[in-house]
C-alpha atoms as a PDB file:
ATOM      1  CA  MET A   1      -1.409  98.361 -15.003  1.00  0.00           C
ATOM      2  CA  GLU A   2      -2.161  96.341 -11.876  1.00  0.00           C
ATOM      3  CA  HIS A   3      -5.137  97.414  -9.787  1.00  0.00           C
ATOM      4  CA  SER A   4      -3.999  98.516  -6.313  1.00  0.00           C
ATOM      5  CA  LYS A   5      -5.711  99.752  -3.180  1.00  0.00           C
ATOM      6  CA  LEU A   6      -4.601 101.611  -0.046  1.00  0.00           C
ATOM      7  CA  MET A   7      -4.483  99.147   2.849  1.00  0.00           C
ATOM      8  CA  THR A   8      -3.236  99.339   6.452  1.00  0.00           C
ATOM      9  CA  PRO A   9      -0.240  97.100   7.241  1.00  0.00           C
ATOM     10  CA  LEU A  10      -0.006  95.698  10.748  1.00  0.00           C
ATOM     11  CA  PHE A  11       3.659  96.676  10.956  1.00  0.00           C
ATOM     12  CA  TYR A  12       5.540  99.705   9.663  1.00  0.00           C
ATOM     13  CA  ASP A  13       9.366  99.748   9.635  1.00  0.00           C
ATOM     14  CA  GLY A  14       9.306  96.600  11.736  1.00  0.00           C
ATOM     15  CA  ASN A  15       7.094  98.034  14.488  1.00  0.00           C
ATOM     16  CA  PHE A  16       3.378  97.981  15.196  1.00  0.00           C
ATOM     17  CA  ASN A  17       1.711 100.538  12.930  1.00  0.00           C
ATOM     18  CA  ARG A  18       0.338 102.795  15.689  1.00  0.00           C
ATOM     19  CA  GLU A  19      -0.232 105.740  13.356  1.00  0.00           C
ATOM     20  CA  GLY A  20      -2.264 103.689  10.885  1.00  0.00           C
ATOM     21  CA  ARG A  21      -0.001 104.422   7.932  1.00  0.00           C
ATOM     22  CA  ARG A  22      -1.203 102.852   4.728  1.00  0.00           C
ATOM     23  CA  MET A  23       0.471 101.078   1.827  1.00  0.00           C
ATOM     24  CA  ARG A  24      -0.606 100.515  -1.730  1.00  0.00           C
ATOM     25  CA  ALA A  25      -1.375  96.819  -2.116  1.00  0.00           C
ATOM     26  CA  VAL A  26      -2.572  94.423  -4.784  1.00  0.00           C
ATOM     27  CA  LEU A  27      -5.024  91.615  -4.069  1.00  0.00           C
ATOM     28  CA  GLU A  28      -3.140  88.488  -5.100  1.00  0.00           C
ATOM     29  CA  LYS A  29      -5.898  85.934  -4.551  1.00  0.00           C
ATOM     30  CA  GLU A  30      -8.589  84.636  -2.226  1.00  0.00           C
ATOM     31  CA  ILE A  31      -8.304  81.124  -0.800  1.00  0.00           C
ATOM     32  CA  SER A  32     -10.712  78.942   1.156  1.00  0.00           C
ATOM     33  CA  ASP A  33     -11.155  75.443   2.508  1.00  0.00           C
ATOM     34  CA  GLY A  34     -14.929  75.740   2.356  1.00  0.00           C
ATOM     35  CA  THR A  35     -15.182  77.015   5.908  1.00  0.00           C
ATOM     36  CA  GLN A  36     -12.413  79.588   6.373  1.00  0.00           C
ATOM     37  CA  THR A  37     -11.540  82.185   3.728  1.00  0.00           C
ATOM     38  CA  TYR A  38      -8.440  84.383   3.500  1.00  0.00           C
ATOM     39  CA  ARG A  39      -7.615  87.253   1.160  1.00  0.00           C
ATOM     40  CA  LEU A  40      -3.901  87.387   0.305  1.00  0.00           C
ATOM     41  CA  TRP A  41      -2.263  90.654  -0.733  1.00  0.00           C
ATOM     42  CA  ARG A  42       1.148  91.876  -1.830  1.00  0.00           C
ATOM     43  CA  ALA A  43       2.747  95.307  -2.032  1.00  0.00           C
ATOM     44  CA  ALA A  44       2.365  97.249  -5.251  1.00  0.00           C
ATOM     45  CA  GLY A  45       5.429  98.490  -7.089  1.00  0.00           C
ATOM     46  CA  ASN A  46       8.950  97.110  -6.881  1.00  0.00           C
ATOM     47  CA  PRO A  47       9.407  93.441  -5.834  1.00  0.00           C
ATOM     48  CA  ASP A  48      10.435  92.605  -2.267  1.00  0.00           C
ATOM     49  CA  GLN A  49      12.935  89.951  -3.355  1.00  0.00           C
ATOM     50  CA  SER A  50      16.126  91.001  -5.108  1.00  0.00           C
ATOM     51  CA  TYR A  51      16.843  87.522  -6.443  1.00  0.00           C
ATOM     52  CA  PRO A  52      13.538  85.668  -6.969  1.00  0.00           C
ATOM     53  CA  ARG A  53      13.721  81.985  -7.857  1.00  0.00           C
ATOM     54  CA  THR A  54      10.659  82.166 -10.092  1.00  0.00           C
ATOM     55  CA  GLY A  55       8.056  84.692 -11.171  1.00  0.00           C
ATOM     56  CA  ASN A  56       5.904  84.014  -8.100  1.00  0.00           C
ATOM     57  CA  ASP A  57       8.854  84.474  -5.716  1.00  0.00           C
ATOM     58  CA  ARG A  58       9.068  88.268  -6.010  1.00  0.00           C
ATOM     59  CA  TYR A  59       6.607  89.554  -3.400  1.00  0.00           C
ATOM     60  CA  ILE A  60       5.966  88.797   0.285  1.00  0.00           C
ATOM     61  CA  LEU A  61       2.345  87.875   0.930  1.00  0.00           C
ATOM     62  CA  TYR A  62       0.066  89.511   3.491  1.00  0.00           C
ATOM     63  CA  VAL A  63      -3.142  88.066   4.901  1.00  0.00           C
ATOM     64  CA  GLU A  64      -6.055  90.419   5.516  1.00  0.00           C
ATOM     65  CA  ILE A  65      -7.401  90.196   9.074  1.00  0.00           C
ATOM     66  CA  ASN A  66      -9.805  92.633  10.739  1.00  0.00           C
ATOM     67  CA  GLY A  67      -8.883  95.503   8.421  1.00  0.00           C
ATOM     68  CA  TYR A  68      -5.097  95.036   8.619  1.00  0.00           C
ATOM     69  CA  LEU A  69      -2.551  93.259   6.428  1.00  0.00           C
ATOM     70  CA  ALA A  70      -0.432  90.871   8.505  1.00  0.00           C
ATOM     71  CA  PRO A  71       2.781  89.684   6.821  1.00  0.00           C
ATOM     72  CA  LEU A  72       3.126  85.952   6.250  1.00  0.00           C
ATOM     73  CA  GLY A  73       6.870  86.205   5.647  1.00  0.00           C
ATOM     74  CA  LEU A  74       6.432  84.001   2.542  1.00  0.00           C
ATOM     75  CA  THR A  75       6.188  84.479  -1.175  1.00  0.00           C
ATOM     76  CA  GLU A  76       3.660  82.529  -3.249  1.00  0.00           C
ATOM     77  CA  PHE A  77       6.529  80.229  -4.263  1.00  0.00           C
ATOM     78  CA  SER A  78       7.536  79.598  -0.634  1.00  0.00           C
ATOM     79  CA  LEU A  79       3.947  79.040   0.462  1.00  0.00           C
ATOM     80  CA  THR A  80       3.444  76.483  -2.307  1.00  0.00           C
ATOM     81  CA  GLU A  81       6.727  74.773  -1.427  1.00  0.00           C
ATOM     82  CA  ILE A  82       5.824  74.452   2.258  1.00  0.00           C
ATOM     83  CA  CYS A  83       2.307  73.208   1.591  1.00  0.00           C
ATOM     84  CA  GLY A  84       3.241  70.836  -1.227  1.00  0.00           C
ATOM     85  CA  PHE A  85       6.591  69.249  -0.424  1.00  0.00           C
ATOM     86  CA  GLU A  86       5.509  66.658   2.130  1.00  0.00           C
ATOM     87  CA  PRO A  87       2.484  65.307   0.239  1.00  0.00           C
ATOM     88  CA  ALA A  88       4.512  65.260  -3.003  1.00  0.00           C
ATOM     89  CA  ALA A  89       7.344  63.376  -1.292  1.00  0.00           C
ATOM     90  CA  GLN A  90       4.861  60.939   0.211  1.00  0.00           C
ATOM     91  CA  LYS A  91       3.411  60.154  -3.210  1.00  0.00           C
ATOM     92  CA  LEU A  92       6.723  59.937  -5.085  1.00  0.00           C
ATOM     93  CA  TYR A  93       9.082  58.372  -2.544  1.00  0.00           C
ATOM     94  CA  GLY A  94       6.951  57.056   0.301  1.00  0.00           C
ATOM     95  CA  GLY A  95       7.922  59.982   2.563  1.00  0.00           C
ATOM     96  CA  LYS A  96      10.382  62.878   2.695  1.00  0.00           C
ATOM     97  CA  GLU A  97      12.871  60.854   4.758  1.00  0.00           C
ATOM     98  CA  LYS A  98      13.198  58.392   1.838  1.00  0.00           C
ATOM     99  CA  ARG A  99      13.746  61.047  -0.836  1.00  0.00           C
ATOM    100  CA  ALA A 100      17.556  61.228  -0.750  1.00  0.00           C
ATOM    101  CA  ALA A 101      18.014  57.447  -0.904  1.00  0.00           C
ATOM    102  CA  TRP A 102      15.506  57.164  -3.760  1.00  0.00           C
ATOM    103  CA  LEU A 103      17.242  59.859  -5.831  1.00  0.00           C
ATOM    104  CA  ASN A 104      20.706  58.425  -5.135  1.00  0.00           C
ATOM    105  CA  ALA A 105      19.574  55.013  -6.314  1.00  0.00           C
ATOM    106  CA  LEU A 106      18.069  56.580  -9.446  1.00  0.00           C
ATOM    107  CA  GLN A 107      21.328  58.397 -10.143  1.00  0.00           C
ATOM    108  CA  GLU A 108      23.321  55.175  -9.876  1.00  0.00           C
ATOM    109  CA  SER A 109      20.926  53.123 -12.013  1.00  0.00           C
ATOM    110  CA  ASP A 110      19.728  55.553 -14.702  1.00  0.00           C
ATOM    111  CA  GLY A 111      21.991  58.619 -14.531  1.00  0.00           C
ATOM    112  CA  SER A 112      21.574  62.363 -14.415  1.00  0.00           C
ATOM    113  CA  GLU A 113      18.867  62.697 -17.064  1.00  0.00           C
ATOM    114  CA  ALA A 114      16.582  60.437 -15.079  1.00  0.00           C
ATOM    115  CA  VAL A 115      17.220  62.485 -11.955  1.00  0.00           C
ATOM    116  CA  SER A 116      16.430  65.703 -13.840  1.00  0.00           C
ATOM    117  CA  ALA A 117      13.169  64.187 -15.043  1.00  0.00           C
ATOM    118  CA  ALA A 118      12.347  63.109 -11.486  1.00  0.00           C
ATOM    119  CA  MET A 119      13.035  66.647 -10.227  1.00  0.00           C
ATOM    120  CA  ALA A 120      10.696  68.052 -12.855  1.00  0.00           C
ATOM    121  CA  GLU A 121       7.993  65.612 -11.788  1.00  0.00           C
ATOM    122  CA  GLU A 122       8.597  66.509  -8.131  1.00  0.00           C
ATOM    123  CA  ARG A 123       8.219  70.217  -8.908  1.00  0.00           C
ATOM    124  CA  SER A 124       4.976  69.516 -10.742  1.00  0.00           C
ATOM    125  CA  GLU A 125       3.601  67.553  -7.801  1.00  0.00           C
ATOM    126  CA  ILE A 126       4.685  70.205  -5.288  1.00  0.00           C
ATOM    127  CA  GLU A 127       2.853  72.851  -7.290  1.00  0.00           C
ATOM    128  CA  ARG A 128      -0.212  70.645  -7.642  1.00  0.00           C
ATOM    129  CA  TYR A 129      -0.449  69.827  -3.947  1.00  0.00           C
ATOM    130  CA  GLY A 130       0.950  73.090  -2.605  1.00  0.00           C
ATOM    131  CA  GLY A 131      -1.153  75.309  -4.813  1.00  0.00           C
ATOM    132  CA  ALA A 132      -4.408  73.780  -3.562  1.00  0.00           C
ATOM    133  CA  PRO A 133      -6.413  76.546  -1.806  1.00  0.00           C
ATOM    134  CA  ALA A 134      -7.512  74.213   0.987  1.00  0.00           C
ATOM    135  CA  ARG A 135      -3.899  73.282   1.857  1.00  0.00           C
ATOM    136  CA  GLN A 136      -2.776  76.910   1.840  1.00  0.00           C
ATOM    137  CA  THR A 137      -5.766  77.886   3.949  1.00  0.00           C
ATOM    138  CA  GLU A 138      -4.951  75.165   6.487  1.00  0.00           C
ATOM    139  CA  TYR A 139      -1.317  76.256   6.669  1.00  0.00           C
ATOM    140  CA  ILE A 140      -2.202  79.922   7.229  1.00  0.00           C
ATOM    141  CA  GLN A 141      -4.803  78.976   9.828  1.00  0.00           C
ATOM    142  CA  ASN A 142      -2.222  76.934  11.751  1.00  0.00           C
ATOM    143  CA  LEU A 143       0.249  79.793  11.483  1.00  0.00           C
ATOM    144  CA  LEU A 144      -2.264  82.258  12.897  1.00  0.00           C
ATOM    145  CA  GLU A 145      -3.126  79.871  15.711  1.00  0.00           C
ATOM    146  CA  ASP A 146       0.556  79.849  16.718  1.00  0.00           C
ATOM    147  CA  HIS A 147       0.523  83.649  16.791  1.00  0.00           C
ATOM    148  CA  PHE A 148      -2.664  83.612  18.830  1.00  0.00           C
ATOM    149  CA  SER A 149      -1.143  81.178  21.355  1.00  0.00           C
ATOM    150  CA  ALA A 150       1.864  83.469  21.799  1.00  0.00           C
ATOM    151  CA  TYR A 151      -0.415  86.461  22.350  1.00  0.00           C
ATOM    152  CA  LEU A 152      -2.605  84.560  24.811  1.00  0.00           C
ATOM    153  CA  LYS A 153       0.457  83.525  26.824  1.00  0.00           C
ATOM    154  CA  SER A 154       1.541  87.162  27.061  1.00  0.00           C
ATOM    155  CA  LYS A 155      -1.963  88.261  27.987  1.00  0.00           C
ATOM    156  CA  GLU A 156      -2.249  85.696  30.766  1.00  0.00           C
ATOM    157  CA  SER A 157       1.164  86.681  32.190  1.00  0.00           C
ATOM    158  CA  GLY A 158       0.537  90.429  32.030  1.00  0.00           C
ATOM    159  CA  GLY A 159       3.186  91.031  29.401  1.00  0.00           C
ATOM    160  CA  GLN A 160       5.928  88.852  30.841  1.00  0.00           C
ATOM    161  CA  SER A 161       6.365  87.101  27.491  1.00  0.00           C
ATOM    162  CA  PHE A 162       6.464  88.511  23.966  1.00  0.00           C
ATOM    163  CA  PRO A 163       3.103  90.110  23.020  1.00  0.00           C
ATOM    164  CA  ASP A 164       2.390  88.854  19.520  1.00  0.00           C
ATOM    165  CA  PHE A 165       0.569  91.571  17.564  1.00  0.00           C
ATOM    166  CA  THR A 166      -0.517  89.182  14.843  1.00  0.00           C
ATOM    167  CA  GLY A 167      -2.141  86.998  17.485  1.00  0.00           C
ATOM    168  CA  ALA A 168      -3.770  90.068  19.011  1.00  0.00           C
ATOM    169  CA  LEU A 169      -5.071  91.056  15.572  1.00  0.00           C
ATOM    170  CA  VAL A 170      -6.749  87.657  15.229  1.00  0.00           C
ATOM    171  CA  MET A 171      -8.597  88.405  18.491  1.00  0.00           C
ATOM    172  CA  ASN A 172      -9.110  92.057  17.522  1.00  0.00           C
ATOM    173  CA  GLU A 173      -7.299  93.119  20.703  1.00  0.00           C
ATOM    174  CA  LEU A 174      -4.584  95.416  19.373  1.00  0.00           C
ATOM    175  CA  ALA A 175      -5.196  98.060  22.079  1.00  0.00           C
ATOM    176  CA  GLN A 176      -4.630  95.451  24.805  1.00  0.00           C
ATOM    177  CA  CYS A 177      -1.512  94.269  22.987  1.00  0.00           C
ATOM    178  CA  VAL A 178      -0.085  97.799  23.040  1.00  0.00           C
ATOM    179  CA  GLU A 179      -0.405  97.763  26.851  1.00  0.00           C
ATOM    180  CA  LEU A 180       1.187  94.328  27.053  1.00  0.00           C
ATOM    181  CA  SER A 181       3.978  95.541  24.794  1.00  0.00           C
ATOM    182  CA  ALA A 182       4.751  98.385  27.199  1.00  0.00           C
ATOM    183  CA  ALA A 183       4.885  95.937  30.121  1.00  0.00           C
ATOM    184  CA  TYR A 184       7.068  93.554  28.160  1.00  0.00           C
ATOM    185  CA  ARG A 185       9.405  96.369  27.108  1.00  0.00           C
ATOM    186  CA  ALA A 186       9.737  97.510  30.747  1.00  0.00           C
ATOM    187  CA  LYS A 187      10.540  93.951  31.760  1.00  0.00           C
ATOM    188  CA  ARG A 188      13.189  93.626  29.041  1.00  0.00           C
ATOM    189  CA  GLN A 189      14.729  96.976  30.006  1.00  0.00           C
ATOM    190  CA  ALA A 190      14.928  95.883  33.653  1.00  0.00           C
ATOM    191  CA  GLU A 191      16.512  92.589  32.591  1.00  0.00           C
ATOM    192  CA  GLU A 192      19.003  94.415  30.385  1.00  0.00           C
ATOM    193  CA  ALA A 193      19.892  96.835  33.188  1.00  0.00           C
ATOM    194  CA  ALA A 194      20.456  93.889  35.537  1.00  0.00           C
ATOM    195  CA  ARG A 195      22.546  92.121  32.891  1.00  0.00           C
ATOM    196  CA  GLN A 196      24.701  95.208  32.365  1.00  0.00           C
ATOM    197  CA  ALA A 197      25.164  95.605  36.127  1.00  0.00           C
ATOM    198  CA  ARG A 198      26.292  91.969  36.374  1.00  0.00           C
ATOM    199  CA  ALA A 199      28.643  92.468  33.453  1.00  0.00           C
ATOM    200  CA  VAL A 200      30.179  95.560  35.089  1.00  0.00           C
ATOM    201  CA  GLU A 201      30.632  93.692  38.369  1.00  0.00           C
ATOM    202  CA  GLU A 202      32.132  90.665  36.620  1.00  0.00           C
ATOM    203  CA  GLU A 203      34.476  92.966  34.698  1.00  0.00           C
ATOM    204  CA  ARG A 204      35.502  94.733  37.884  1.00  0.00           C
ATOM    205  CA  ALA A 205      36.155  91.430  39.651  1.00  0.00           C
ATOM    206  CA  TYR A 206      38.101  90.051  36.680  1.00  0.00           C
ATOM    207  CA  CYS A 207      40.323  93.126  36.407  1.00  0.00           C
ATOM    208  CA  GLY A 208      40.722  93.228  40.195  1.00  0.00           C
ATOM    209  CA  ASP A 209      41.960  89.630  40.298  1.00  0.00           C
ATOM    210  CA  LYS A 210      44.394  90.185  37.440  1.00  0.00           C
ATOM    211  CA  ASN A 211      45.651  93.501  38.796  1.00  0.00           C
ATOM    212  CA  ARG A 212      46.233  92.029  42.253  1.00  0.00           C
ATOM    213  CA  VAL A 213      48.687  89.603  40.689  1.00  0.00           C
ATOM    214  CA  ALA A 214      50.546  92.519  39.091  1.00  0.00           C
ATOM    215  CA  GLU A 215      50.462  94.533  42.333  1.00  0.00           C
ATOM    216  CA  GLN A 216      51.875  91.584  44.267  1.00  0.00           C
ATOM    217  CA  ALA A 217      54.725  91.350  41.749  1.00  0.00           C
ATOM    218  CA  VAL A 218      55.386  95.088  42.161  1.00  0.00           C
ATOM    219  CA  SER A 219      55.319  94.756  45.958  1.00  0.00           C
ATOM    220  CA  ALA A 220      57.801  91.870  45.815  1.00  0.00           C
ATOM    221  CA  ALA A 221      60.085  93.874  43.509  1.00  0.00           C
ATOM    222  CA  LEU A 222      60.067  96.840  45.914  1.00  0.00           C
ATOM    223  CA  GLN A 223      61.021  94.517  48.756  1.00  0.00           C
ATOM    224  CA  VAL A 224      64.031  93.281  46.758  1.00  0.00           C
ATOM    225  CA  ILE A 225      65.061  96.864  46.059  1.00  0.00           C
ATOM    226  CA  ARG A 226      64.834  97.787  49.748  1.00  0.00           C
ATOM    227  CA  GLU A 227      66.439  94.669  51.181  1.00  0.00           C
ATOM    228  CA  GLY A 228      68.757  93.568  48.356  1.00  0.00           C
ATOM    229  CA  GLY A 229      68.758  90.532  46.145  1.00  0.00           C
ATOM    230  CA  VAL A 230      68.138  89.598  42.530  1.00  0.00           C
ATOM    231  CA  LEU A 231      65.387  91.623  40.886  1.00  0.00           C
ATOM    232  CA  LYS A 232      64.082  89.792  37.831  1.00  0.00           C
ATOM    233  CA  ASN A 233      62.830  92.025  35.060  1.00  0.00           C
ATOM    234  CA  THR A 234      59.528  90.201  34.625  1.00  0.00           C
ATOM    235  CA  THR A 235      56.515  91.584  32.764  1.00  0.00           C
ATOM    236  CA  VAL A 236      53.540  92.934  34.678  1.00  0.00           C
ATOM    237  CA  LYS A 237      50.171  93.462  33.081  1.00  0.00           C
ATOM    238  CA  PHE A 238      47.494  95.857  34.335  1.00  0.00           C
ATOM    239  CA  TYR A 239      43.938  95.438  33.065  1.00  0.00           C
ATOM    240  CA  GLN A 240      41.588  98.307  32.276  1.00  0.00           C
ATOM    241  CA  SER A 241      38.983  95.796  31.048  1.00  0.00           C
ATOM    242  CA  ARG A 242      38.790  92.135  30.151  1.00  0.00           C
ATOM    243  CA  TYR A 243      39.988  92.923  26.642  1.00  0.00           C
ATOM    244  CA  SER A 244      42.267  95.869  27.319  1.00  0.00           C
ATOM    245  CA  ALA A 245      45.508  95.660  29.287  1.00  0.00           C
ATOM    246  CA  SER A 246      48.870  97.427  29.458  1.00  0.00           C
ATOM    247  CA  SER A 247      52.096  95.421  29.786  1.00  0.00           C
ATOM    248  CA  TYR A 248      55.357  96.723  31.249  1.00  0.00           C
ATOM    249  CA  SER A 249      58.731  95.340  32.193  1.00  0.00           C
ATOM    250  CA  ILE A 250      58.624  95.656  35.959  1.00  0.00           C
ATOM    251  CA  ILE A 251      61.797  97.769  36.187  1.00  0.00           C
ATOM    252  CA  ASN A 252      60.570 100.256  33.595  1.00  0.00           C
ATOM    253  CA  TYR A 253      57.231 100.349  35.416  1.00  0.00           C
ATOM    254  CA  LEU A 254      58.871 101.164  38.741  1.00  0.00           C
ATOM    255  CA  MET A 255      61.074 103.835  37.195  1.00  0.00           C
ATOM    256  CA  ARG A 256      57.989 105.502  35.804  1.00  0.00           C
ATOM    257  CA  GLN A 257      56.164 105.236  39.137  1.00  0.00           C
ATOM    258  CA  TYR A 258      59.082 106.790  40.993  1.00  0.00           C
ATOM    259  CA  GLN A 259      59.613 109.462  38.316  1.00  0.00           C
ATOM    260  CA  VAL A 260      63.114 108.380  37.372  1.00  0.00           C
ATOM    261  CA  ASP A 261      64.155 110.063  34.109  1.00  0.00           C
ATOM    262  CA  VAL A 262      65.095 107.235  31.751  1.00  0.00           C
ATOM    263  CA  PRO A 263      66.121 107.917  28.126  1.00  0.00           C
ATOM    264  CA  LEU A 264      63.935 106.191  25.551  1.00  0.00           C
ATOM    265  CA  ARG A 265      66.888 104.180  24.249  1.00  0.00           C
ATOM    266  CA  THR A 266      67.578 102.888  27.756  1.00  0.00           C
ATOM    267  CA  GLN A 267      63.885 102.041  28.228  1.00  0.00           C
ATOM    268  CA  GLY A 268      64.049  99.993  25.033  1.00  0.00           C
ATOM    269  CA  TRP A 269      67.183  98.195  26.250  1.00  0.00           C
ATOM    270  CA  ILE A 270      65.479  97.369  29.559  1.00  0.00           C
ATOM    271  CA  ASN A 271      62.441  96.008  27.727  1.00  0.00           C
ATOM    272  CA  ASP A 272      64.330  93.966  25.160  1.00  0.00           C
ATOM    273  CA  LYS A 273      67.540  92.783  26.834  1.00  0.00           C
ATOM    274  CA  LEU A 274      67.592  93.127  30.613  1.00  0.00           C
ATOM    275  CA  HIS A 275      66.990  89.852  32.461  1.00  0.00           C
ATOM    276  CA  SER A 276      67.754  90.798  36.070  1.00  0.00           C
ATOM    277  CA  ALA A 277      69.633  93.207  38.312  1.00  0.00           C
ATOM    278  CA  THR A 278      71.424  92.295  41.551  1.00  0.00           C
ATOM    279  CA  ILE A 279      71.038  94.866  44.321  1.00  0.00           C
ATOM    280  CA  GLN A 280      73.569  94.918  47.166  1.00  0.00           C
ATOM    281  CA  ASP A 281      74.321  97.554  49.815  1.00  0.00           C
ATOM    282  CA  GLY A 282      71.866  99.988  48.257  1.00  0.00           C
ATOM    283  CA  LYS A 283      73.338  99.852  44.757  1.00  0.00           C
ATOM    284  CA  CYS A 284      72.993  97.877  41.562  1.00  0.00           C
ATOM    285  CA  GLU A 285      76.146  95.773  41.510  1.00  0.00           C
ATOM    286  CA  TYR A 286      75.492  93.231  38.773  1.00  0.00           C
ATOM    287  CA  LEU A 287      73.026  92.524  36.018  1.00  0.00           C
ATOM    288  CA  GLN A 288      72.176  89.846  33.516  1.00  0.00           C
ATOM    289  CA  TYR A 289      71.114  90.746  30.010  1.00  0.00           C
ATOM    290  CA  LEU A 290      70.666  89.176  26.615  1.00  0.00           C
ATOM    291  CA  ARG A 291      73.952  89.325  24.740  1.00  0.00           C
ATOM    292  CA  ARG A 292      73.940  89.659  20.994  1.00  0.00           C
ATOM    293  CA  LYS A 293      76.758  90.065  18.554  1.00  0.00           C
ATOM    294  CA  GLY A 294      77.962  93.641  18.727  1.00  0.00           C
ATOM    295  CA  GLY A 295      75.619  94.401  21.652  1.00  0.00           C
ATOM    296  CA  ARG A 296      76.834  96.103  24.812  1.00  0.00           C
ATOM    297  CA  CYS A 297      75.547  96.650  28.295  1.00  0.00           C
ATOM    298  CA  SER A 298      73.747  99.952  28.831  1.00  0.00           C
ATOM    299  CA  GLN A 299      75.938 102.020  31.127  1.00  0.00           C
ATOM    300  CA  LYS A 300      73.171 104.553  31.574  1.00  0.00           C
ATOM    301  CA  PHE A 301      71.067 101.794  33.125  1.00  0.00           C
ATOM    302  CA  PHE A 302      73.244 101.726  36.260  1.00  0.00           C
ATOM    303  CA  ASP A 303      72.641 105.446  36.845  1.00  0.00           C
ATOM    304  CA  CYS A 304      68.873 105.025  36.387  1.00  0.00           C
ATOM    305  CA  MET A 305      68.702 101.908  38.532  1.00  0.00           C
ATOM    306  CA  ASN A 306      70.620 103.526  41.366  1.00  0.00           C
ATOM    307  CA  ALA A 307      68.321 106.553  41.179  1.00  0.00           C
ATOM    308  CA  LEU A 308      65.346 104.158  41.503  1.00  0.00           C
ATOM    309  CA  ILE A 309      66.951 102.439  44.507  1.00  0.00           C
ATOM    310  CA  GLN A 310      67.474 105.790  46.207  1.00  0.00           C
ATOM    311  CA  ALA A 311      63.866 106.887  45.524  1.00  0.00           C
ATOM    312  CA  VAL A 312      62.424 103.620  46.876  1.00  0.00           C
ATOM    313  CA  THR A 313      64.694 103.736  49.959  1.00  0.00           C
ATOM    314  CA  ALA A 314      63.794 107.392  50.649  1.00  0.00           C
ATOM    315  CA  GLN A 315      60.095 106.610  50.479  1.00  0.00           C
ATOM    316  CA  ALA A 316      60.522 103.682  52.845  1.00  0.00           C
ATOM    317  CA  SER A 317      62.340 105.943  55.337  1.00  0.00           C
ATOM    318  CA  GLU A 318      59.586 108.562  55.133  1.00  0.00           C
ATOM    319  CA  GLU A 319      56.876 105.960  55.739  1.00  0.00           C
ATOM    320  CA  ALA A 320      58.793 104.549  58.719  1.00  0.00           C
ATOM    321  CA  ALA A 321      59.292 107.983  60.324  1.00  0.00           C
END
């Protein structure tokens, strides 16, 4: 059975571990370049990776810093790959940018078995270079310096940029980072509130512009009804939001607005077949509609249209009085 120990992770459920919860961890190894030393840990129990590429690709590594375990986001396999690929490629191909051309040429000259042998040699060199403690130590040190730079930037700006807890851990300033995190969170909330306000205003303006077009079409249709002429049964669209709108044939829309009782069958005929209605002397005299074999004009439409004309005319008289 592996020997494990209770350790304090820097993060718990993706957030800074304020409560100091602990995890059971296994010391994987200790690495050094002769000057700097790091102890690398992994979680005890079930592997982190569901589909590991090799035996050393199952667990995410943590580096021990000032009493906490900070996640590296890498398995032993990944760490070795990152540290070893470039020096291996330099030795074998003269640089990583020459690798593809070298392997393609090998494939053309010697075939697949030669390429497989070259891949095996490359893997061996990657493991040799990448597994060197000094190279891994250098990589982790550079990684931590990046975290520290991010934390320092946040510290100098009073939390206006992301407060990196790993960088704060390096400086042993987690308490200060908590304060910076609160300032940063307040800034992000204010930015999000401003963004939402802009989005609401943009949505309102967008819908207003679109709806004005529909309202102008309705206004023009009412003028035709009052004064006579050809009323085209165009489609009007009213927007509730940028992605939600209701479409109506303009005559059906007006009948609904003026509370004209129109049978559902007649509404369907207006939607599907009516092209235009000619209004003369306060009545619907003619209409144009889509003729299909066996189809007939809706006689009920004339009654409904005349009722609409009367309602529009009555309203106009009331407004003029």
